Amino acid sequence: MNTEKRNDEIDLIEVTQKAGKAIEKATVGLFQLIVSFFKGLFTLAIVSLRFSLRYALVIFGFIILGFFAGWFIIKNTAPYYRTSATIQSNTISNANLINYINRLHELLMNNDSISLASELKMDVSDAAEIYDLQAFWLIDKNKDGISDEIDYYNEFMPDTISNAIRIDDRFHVQLLTFDPYIVNKVQESLDAYLRTYPRIQQISEVKKRNLQNEIVRIDAEIKILDSLKNYEYFVKEKELRDFDKGSVKLGQLLLASPEQAIQPTRLLHENILGLYNQNLNNYRALELETEPYIFLAKFIEVSNPVNANSENHTTIKFALLGLFLGVLASLILKFRKEIFKFIRES
């Protein structure tokens, strides 16, 4: 038994020693890997520094060329201005009005100022000053009825993960123009253009007549309930009391059926108030929502060009492009013999 215990102790010591050696080996390996990594980084930095110093003139020359190329492009690009409007659609669906406005966007993409001027009923010279005109859907992310973002690609699709939806009765219109002083002209022309939507006035008249008929129907229903209320509260209540006393026979009650005659008095206040509220909403819609659309926010004149602050960004982008091309040209110079040899052999 002592022999078995001694063997177990020996085995435990061997396992511990092997585990210690394995940990030591792994630690040493990890340390060597870290050292090799930093050594490689240091070597790469030294090689890159030598390469950069050797071909500094080439790389720096390309950077300067890229910087001036970006600056030249900016200086030769006409400044343009951005303004926007919000339209509420009352009788025509958002999708139809957005598509109708984006017909103008397609004309602008084709640089067809003559057709654009014809559609907007404005001078060709003014139409040529419009850089872009496009309508976009508004997105409501949390279903609170307030727009949270603009779908600048008109590609939003609702999903089952988020609560985001398209807003059905409002949309965004963006105007980009080279001349900020034609904004009011474009506003008037766009308003007139939207009124050329096919049968837009007939659609509005139909909605107006439907609302008016609904108001008349609800008014008639309110009158019926008023008369019924007078009967329920004053006549029927008295008859039921007399009936309970035995002074009036059931057949003498004014109601047609005995079952209705003996029912308790109905309270009709909530019904009547509900109808009044419906008609208030109908009157509001008749006054405010029978116009085909409403400009909730109109285009305004702006004085700061969109591309005024993009000069630094553009020059930096072209300078970085010059850096890339400079490094590439330097690599070609360094390995030109190998490249020519490869080309010859190919």
Protein backbone atom coordinates (compact mmCIF):
# COMPACT_ATOMS: atom_id res chain seq x y z
CA MET A 1 0.00 0.00 0.00
CA ASN A 2 2.89 2.32 0.81
CA THR A 3 4.36 1.47 -2.57
CA GLU A 4 1.14 2.50 -4.33
CA LYS A 5 1.04 5.78 -2.38
CA ARG A 6 4.67 6.47 -3.28
CA ASN A 7 3.93 5.78 -6.97
CA ASP A 8 0.96 8.19 -6.89
CA GLU A 9 3.20 10.87 -5.41
CA ILE A 10 5.84 10.27 -8.09
CA ASP A 11 3.21 10.48 -10.87
CA LEU A 12 1.84 13.76 -9.45
CA ILE A 13 5.34 15.25 -9.31
CA GLU A 14 6.00 14.22 -12.93
CA VAL A 15 2.69 15.73 -14.10
CA THR A 16 3.47 18.96 -12.27
CA GLN A 17 6.95 19.11 -13.78
CA LYS A 18 5.63 18.47 -17.28
CA ALA A 19 2.94 21.14 -16.84
CA GLY A 20 5.55 23.61 -15.61
CA LYS A 21 7.80 22.88 -18.58
CA ALA A 22 4.87 23.28 -20.99
CA ILE A 23 3.93 26.63 -19.45
CA GLU A 24 7.56 27.75 -19.55
CA LYS A 25 7.86 26.70 -23.19
CA ALA A 26 4.62 28.48 -24.13
CA THR A 27 5.71 31.63 -22.30
CA VAL A 28 9.09 31.63 -24.02
CA GLY A 29 7.43 31.02 -27.39
CA LEU A 30 4.98 33.88 -26.85
CA PHE A 31 7.79 36.20 -25.79
CA GLN A 32 9.82 35.27 -28.86
CA LEU A 33 6.78 35.86 -31.06
CA ILE A 34 6.25 39.32 -29.57
CA VAL A 35 9.92 40.14 -29.98
CA SER A 36 9.85 38.93 -33.59
CA PHE A 37 6.74 41.03 -34.28
CA PHE A 38 8.26 44.26 -32.95
CA LYS A 39 11.56 43.43 -34.63
CA GLY A 40 9.71 43.04 -37.92
CA LEU A 41 7.92 46.33 -37.38
CA PHE A 42 11.22 48.05 -36.63
CA THR A 43 12.83 46.54 -39.73
CA LEU A 44 9.85 47.59 -41.84
CA ALA A 45 10.04 51.12 -40.45
CA ILE A 46 13.77 51.34 -41.23
CA VAL A 47 13.28 50.00 -44.76
CA SER A 48 10.34 52.35 -45.35
CA LEU A 49 12.35 55.30 -44.04
CA ARG A 50 15.29 54.49 -46.29
CA PHE A 51 12.94 54.03 -49.25
CA SER A 52 11.16 57.32 -48.50
CA LEU A 53 14.42 59.26 -48.16
CA ARG A 54 15.79 57.79 -51.37
CA TYR A 55 12.68 58.61 -53.40
CA ALA A 56 11.55 61.64 -51.38
CA LEU A 57 11.60 63.97 -54.37
CA VAL A 58 9.37 61.66 -56.43
CA ILE A 59 6.87 61.08 -53.61
CA PHE A 60 6.81 64.74 -52.57
CA GLY A 61 6.41 65.81 -56.20
CA PHE A 62 3.34 63.62 -56.66
CA ILE A 63 1.85 64.95 -53.41
CA ILE A 64 2.27 68.53 -54.65
CA LEU A 65 0.73 67.61 -58.01
CA GLY A 66 -2.26 65.98 -56.26
CA PHE A 67 -2.75 69.00 -54.01
CA PHE A 68 -2.77 71.44 -56.90
CA ALA A 69 -4.98 69.13 -58.98
CA GLY A 70 -7.60 69.16 -56.20
CA TRP A 71 -7.29 72.92 -55.79
CA PHE A 72 -7.66 73.44 -59.56
CA ILE A 73 -10.78 71.26 -59.73
CA ILE A 74 -12.40 73.15 -56.82
CA LYS A 75 -11.60 76.56 -58.30
CA ASN A 76 -13.08 75.53 -61.64
CA THR A 77 -16.25 74.03 -60.16
CA ALA A 78 -19.16 76.44 -59.99
CA PRO A 79 -20.51 76.88 -56.45
CA TYR A 80 -24.03 75.61 -55.89
CA TYR A 81 -26.52 76.12 -53.09
CA ARG A 82 -28.86 73.76 -51.24
CA THR A 83 -32.33 74.50 -49.91
CA SER A 84 -35.24 72.21 -49.10
CA ALA A 85 -39.01 72.10 -48.69
CA THR A 86 -41.48 69.80 -46.98
CA ILE A 87 -44.78 68.93 -48.68
CA GLN A 88 -47.85 67.39 -47.06
CA SER A 89 -49.92 65.35 -49.49
CA ASN A 90 -53.65 65.35 -48.74
CA THR A 91 -55.42 63.79 -51.70
CA ILE A 92 -52.59 62.27 -53.77
CA SER A 93 -50.37 59.51 -52.38
CA ASN A 94 -46.77 60.31 -51.47
CA ALA A 95 -45.45 57.79 -53.99
CA ASN A 96 -47.27 59.44 -56.89
CA LEU A 97 -46.20 63.00 -56.03
CA ILE A 98 -42.59 61.93 -55.37
CA ASN A 99 -42.44 60.17 -58.74
CA TYR A 100 -44.04 63.18 -60.41
CA ILE A 101 -41.38 65.52 -59.01
CA ASN A 102 -38.56 63.10 -59.79
CA ARG A 103 -39.47 63.30 -63.48
CA LEU A 104 -37.80 66.72 -63.25
CA HIS A 105 -34.76 65.11 -61.62
CA GLU A 106 -34.40 62.79 -64.61
CA LEU A 107 -34.47 65.78 -66.98
CA LEU A 108 -31.73 67.44 -64.92
CA MET A 109 -29.61 64.29 -65.00
CA ASN A 110 -29.87 64.41 -68.79
CA ASN A 111 -28.99 68.14 -68.85
CA ASP A 112 -32.26 68.83 -70.67
CA SER A 113 -32.84 72.44 -69.61
CA ILE A 114 -35.27 73.09 -72.47
CA SER A 115 -37.68 70.33 -71.40
CA LEU A 116 -37.25 71.33 -67.76
CA ALA A 117 -38.15 74.94 -68.59
CA SER A 118 -41.22 73.70 -70.47
CA GLU A 119 -42.39 71.57 -67.52
CA LEU A 120 -41.82 74.31 -64.95
CA LYS A 121 -43.07 77.12 -67.22
CA MET A 122 -39.94 79.19 -66.68
CA ASP A 123 -37.18 80.72 -68.79
CA VAL A 124 -34.53 78.35 -70.15
CA SER A 125 -31.82 80.56 -68.63
CA ASP A 126 -33.36 80.09 -65.17
CA ALA A 127 -33.86 76.36 -65.71
CA ALA A 128 -30.16 76.06 -66.62
CA GLU A 129 -29.29 77.42 -63.16
CA ILE A 130 -30.94 74.44 -61.45
CA TYR A 131 -28.35 71.83 -60.53
CA ASP A 132 -30.81 69.27 -59.15
CA LEU A 133 -34.38 68.96 -57.90
CA GLN A 134 -35.46 65.73 -56.24
CA ALA A 135 -38.06 64.41 -53.77
CA PHE A 136 -37.29 61.92 -51.00
CA TRP A 137 -39.25 59.84 -48.50
CA LEU A 138 -39.14 60.73 -44.81
CA ILE A 139 -38.42 57.92 -42.33
CA ASP A 140 -40.02 57.61 -38.90
CA LYS A 141 -37.77 55.37 -36.78
CA ASN A 142 -39.99 54.96 -33.71
CA LYS A 143 -43.53 55.38 -35.09
CA ASP A 144 -44.17 58.65 -33.28
CA GLY A 145 -45.27 60.49 -36.42
CA ILE A 146 -42.13 62.67 -36.46
CA SER A 147 -39.58 62.33 -39.25
CA ASP A 148 -36.16 61.18 -38.02
CA GLU A 149 -34.20 60.97 -41.25
CA ILE A 150 -34.41 61.44 -45.01
CA ASP A 151 -34.15 58.49 -47.38
CA TYR A 152 -31.78 60.11 -49.89
CA TYR A 153 -31.75 56.94 -52.01
CA ASN A 154 -35.51 56.24 -51.86
CA GLU A 155 -34.63 52.60 -51.20
CA PHE A 156 -35.90 52.14 -47.63
CA MET A 157 -37.70 48.87 -47.00
CA PRO A 158 -39.45 48.21 -43.66
CA ASP A 159 -38.35 45.14 -41.72
CA THR A 160 -39.48 43.13 -38.71
CA ILE A 161 -36.45 44.03 -36.59
CA SER A 162 -36.87 47.81 -36.23
CA ASN A 163 -39.94 50.02 -35.92
CA ALA A 164 -38.85 52.31 -38.75
CA ILE A 165 -41.54 53.15 -41.33
CA ARG A 166 -42.05 55.56 -44.19
CA ILE A 167 -44.18 58.61 -43.44
CA ASP A 168 -47.24 58.42 -45.70
CA ASP A 169 -48.45 62.03 -45.80
CA ARG A 170 -45.25 64.14 -45.94
CA PHE A 171 -42.06 64.10 -47.99
CA HIS A 172 -38.86 66.10 -48.50
CA VAL A 173 -37.86 68.05 -51.62
CA GLN A 174 -34.27 69.17 -52.15
CA LEU A 175 -33.25 71.95 -54.54
CA LEU A 176 -29.63 72.49 -55.64
CA THR A 177 -29.06 75.62 -57.68
CA PHE A 178 -26.14 77.61 -59.05
CA ASP A 179 -28.07 80.86 -58.54
CA PRO A 180 -29.59 81.34 -55.05
CA TYR A 181 -31.75 84.22 -56.30
CA ILE A 182 -34.01 81.99 -58.42
CA VAL A 183 -35.22 80.02 -55.38
CA ASN A 184 -38.55 81.90 -55.21
CA LYS A 185 -39.08 81.38 -58.94
CA VAL A 186 -38.49 77.65 -58.56
CA GLN A 187 -40.89 77.58 -55.59
CA GLU A 188 -43.69 79.15 -57.66
CA SER A 189 -42.91 77.00 -60.69
CA LEU A 190 -42.87 73.78 -58.66
CA ASP A 191 -46.21 74.71 -57.08
CA ALA A 192 -47.71 75.30 -60.52
CA TYR A 193 -46.14 72.09 -61.85
CA LEU A 194 -47.68 69.97 -59.09
CA ARG A 195 -51.10 71.36 -59.97
CA THR A 196 -50.72 69.85 -63.43
CA TYR A 197 -50.82 66.36 -61.92
CA PRO A 198 -53.50 64.44 -63.88
CA ARG A 199 -57.04 65.00 -62.50
CA ILE A 200 -55.71 66.52 -59.31
CA GLN A 201 -58.62 68.98 -59.00
CA GLN A 202 -61.23 66.28 -59.61
CA ILE A 203 -59.66 64.14 -56.90
CA SER A 204 -59.81 67.05 -54.48
CA GLU A 205 -63.45 67.79 -55.36
CA VAL A 206 -64.41 64.16 -54.74
CA LYS A 207 -62.80 64.27 -51.28
CA LYS A 208 -64.56 67.55 -50.53
CA ARG A 209 -67.97 66.17 -51.54
CA ASN A 210 -67.42 63.02 -49.51
CA LEU A 211 -66.61 65.08 -46.43
CA GLN A 212 -69.63 67.31 -46.96
CA ASN A 213 -71.92 64.30 -47.35
CA GLU A 214 -70.43 62.74 -44.23
CA ILE A 215 -71.10 65.94 -42.30
CA VAL A 216 -74.74 66.00 -43.45
CA ARG A 217 -75.21 62.33 -42.56
CA ILE A 218 -73.75 62.75 -39.08
CA ASP A 219 -75.84 65.88 -38.48
CA ALA A 220 -78.97 63.88 -39.34
CA GLU A 221 -77.88 61.09 -37.03
CA ILE A 222 -77.30 63.59 -34.22
CA LYS A 223 -80.82 64.97 -34.69
CA ILE A 224 -82.27 61.45 -34.47
CA LEU A 225 -80.30 60.76 -31.30
CA ASP A 226 -81.40 64.11 -29.84
CA SER A 227 -85.06 63.26 -30.38
CA LEU A 228 -84.51 59.74 -29.07
CA LYS A 229 -82.71 61.20 -26.06
CA ASN A 230 -85.70 63.43 -25.31
CA TYR A 231 -88.01 60.41 -25.47
CA GLU A 232 -85.67 58.21 -23.39
CA TYR A 233 -85.12 60.81 -20.69
CA PHE A 234 -88.52 62.43 -20.40
CA VAL A 235 -91.31 60.32 -21.96
CA LYS A 236 -90.14 56.73 -21.54
CA GLU A 237 -88.90 57.30 -17.99
CA LYS A 238 -92.30 58.68 -16.92
CA GLU A 239 -94.14 55.83 -18.67
CA LEU A 240 -91.99 53.23 -16.94
CA ARG A 241 -92.67 54.79 -13.56
CA ASP A 242 -96.42 54.86 -14.28
CA PHE A 243 -96.22 51.27 -15.53
CA ASP A 244 -94.55 50.19 -12.33
CA LYS A 245 -97.39 51.84 -10.39
CA GLY A 246 -99.97 50.03 -12.54
CA SER A 247 -101.53 53.21 -13.92
CA VAL A 248 -100.34 52.53 -17.52
CA LYS A 249 -100.69 49.27 -19.38
CA LEU A 250 -97.75 47.83 -21.28
CA GLY A 251 -99.55 48.14 -24.62
CA GLN A 252 -100.05 51.87 -24.11
CA LEU A 253 -96.28 52.62 -24.08
CA LEU A 254 -95.06 54.58 -27.06
CA LEU A 255 -92.37 52.07 -28.03
CA ALA A 256 -93.35 49.50 -30.61
CA SER A 257 -92.36 46.31 -28.82
CA PRO A 258 -92.93 45.36 -25.19
CA GLU A 259 -89.34 44.11 -24.93
CA GLN A 260 -87.97 47.58 -25.79
CA ALA A 261 -90.61 49.28 -23.64
CA ILE A 262 -89.45 47.64 -20.45
CA GLN A 263 -85.70 48.18 -21.09
CA PRO A 264 -84.01 50.71 -18.75
CA THR A 265 -83.40 54.20 -20.01
CA ARG A 266 -80.34 54.47 -22.28
CA LEU A 267 -77.73 57.19 -21.74
CA LEU A 268 -76.93 58.64 -25.18
CA HIS A 269 -74.50 61.40 -24.22
CA GLU A 270 -71.40 59.47 -25.28
CA ASN A 271 -72.92 58.54 -28.64
CA ILE A 272 -73.84 62.13 -29.39
CA LEU A 273 -70.46 63.49 -28.24
CA GLY A 274 -68.70 60.91 -30.39
CA LEU A 275 -70.65 62.05 -33.45
CA TYR A 276 -69.90 65.70 -32.63
CA ASN A 277 -66.18 64.88 -32.48
CA GLN A 278 -66.38 63.06 -35.82
CA ASN A 279 -67.96 66.10 -37.40
CA LEU A 280 -65.37 68.41 -35.88
CA ASN A 281 -62.67 66.29 -37.53
CA ASN A 282 -64.63 66.37 -40.79
CA TYR A 283 -64.91 70.18 -40.65
CA ARG A 284 -61.18 70.44 -39.96
CA ALA A 285 -60.38 68.12 -42.87
CA LEU A 286 -62.77 70.07 -45.10
CA GLU A 287 -60.94 73.30 -44.33
CA LEU A 288 -57.35 72.02 -44.22
CA GLU A 289 -57.09 68.74 -46.11
CA THR A 290 -59.07 69.20 -49.29
CA GLU A 291 -56.18 71.01 -50.94
CA PRO A 292 -54.22 68.42 -52.96
CA TYR A 293 -51.02 69.29 -51.08
CA ILE A 294 -49.59 71.92 -48.74
CA PHE A 295 -46.07 73.29 -48.46
CA LEU A 296 -45.34 72.88 -44.76
CA ALA A 297 -41.93 74.46 -45.39
CA LYS A 298 -40.94 76.34 -48.54
CA PHE A 299 -37.59 76.84 -50.25
CA ILE A 300 -35.61 79.73 -48.79
CA GLU A 301 -32.71 81.71 -50.23
CA VAL A 302 -29.34 80.64 -48.87
CA SER A 303 -25.97 82.35 -49.13
CA ASN A 304 -23.47 79.62 -48.25
CA PRO A 305 -22.52 77.31 -51.14
CA VAL A 306 -22.55 73.59 -50.49
CA ASN A 307 -19.05 73.17 -51.88
CA ALA A 308 -17.59 76.24 -50.13
CA ASN A 309 -16.22 74.16 -47.25
CA SER A 310 -15.21 71.18 -49.35
CA GLU A 311 -12.02 72.73 -50.75
CA ASN A 312 -9.79 71.45 -47.95
CA HIS A 313 -11.33 67.98 -48.09
CA THR A 314 -10.88 67.75 -51.85
CA THR A 315 -7.28 68.95 -51.82
CA ILE A 316 -6.45 66.52 -49.00
CA LYS A 317 -8.03 63.64 -50.94
CA PHE A 318 -6.02 64.48 -54.05
CA ALA A 319 -2.85 64.91 -51.98
CA LEU A 320 -3.35 61.41 -50.55
CA LEU A 321 -3.94 60.14 -54.07
CA GLY A 322 -0.66 61.81 -55.06
CA LEU A 323 1.07 60.07 -52.13
CA PHE A 324 -0.20 56.70 -53.33
CA LEU A 325 0.87 57.37 -56.91
CA GLY A 326 4.25 58.65 -55.70
CA VAL A 327 4.91 55.48 -53.74
CA LEU A 328 3.78 53.38 -56.70
CA ALA A 329 6.06 55.32 -59.07
CA SER A 330 8.96 54.93 -56.63
CA LEU A 331 8.42 51.17 -56.45
CA ILE A 332 8.41 51.02 -60.25
CA LEU A 333 11.71 52.94 -60.34
CA LYS A 334 13.26 50.71 -57.67
CA PHE A 335 12.29 47.46 -59.37
CA ARG A 336 12.37 48.70 -62.97
CA LYS A 337 14.98 46.15 -64.04
CA GLU A 338 12.96 43.26 -62.70
CA ILE A 339 9.79 44.67 -64.27
CA PHE A 340 11.43 45.10 -67.70
CA LYS A 341 12.89 41.63 -67.46
CA PHE A 342 9.47 40.18 -66.60
CA ILE A 343 7.90 42.04 -69.53
CA ARG A 344 10.54 40.82 -71.98
CA GLU A 345 10.21 37.24 -70.83
CA SER A 346 6.41 37.43 -71.06
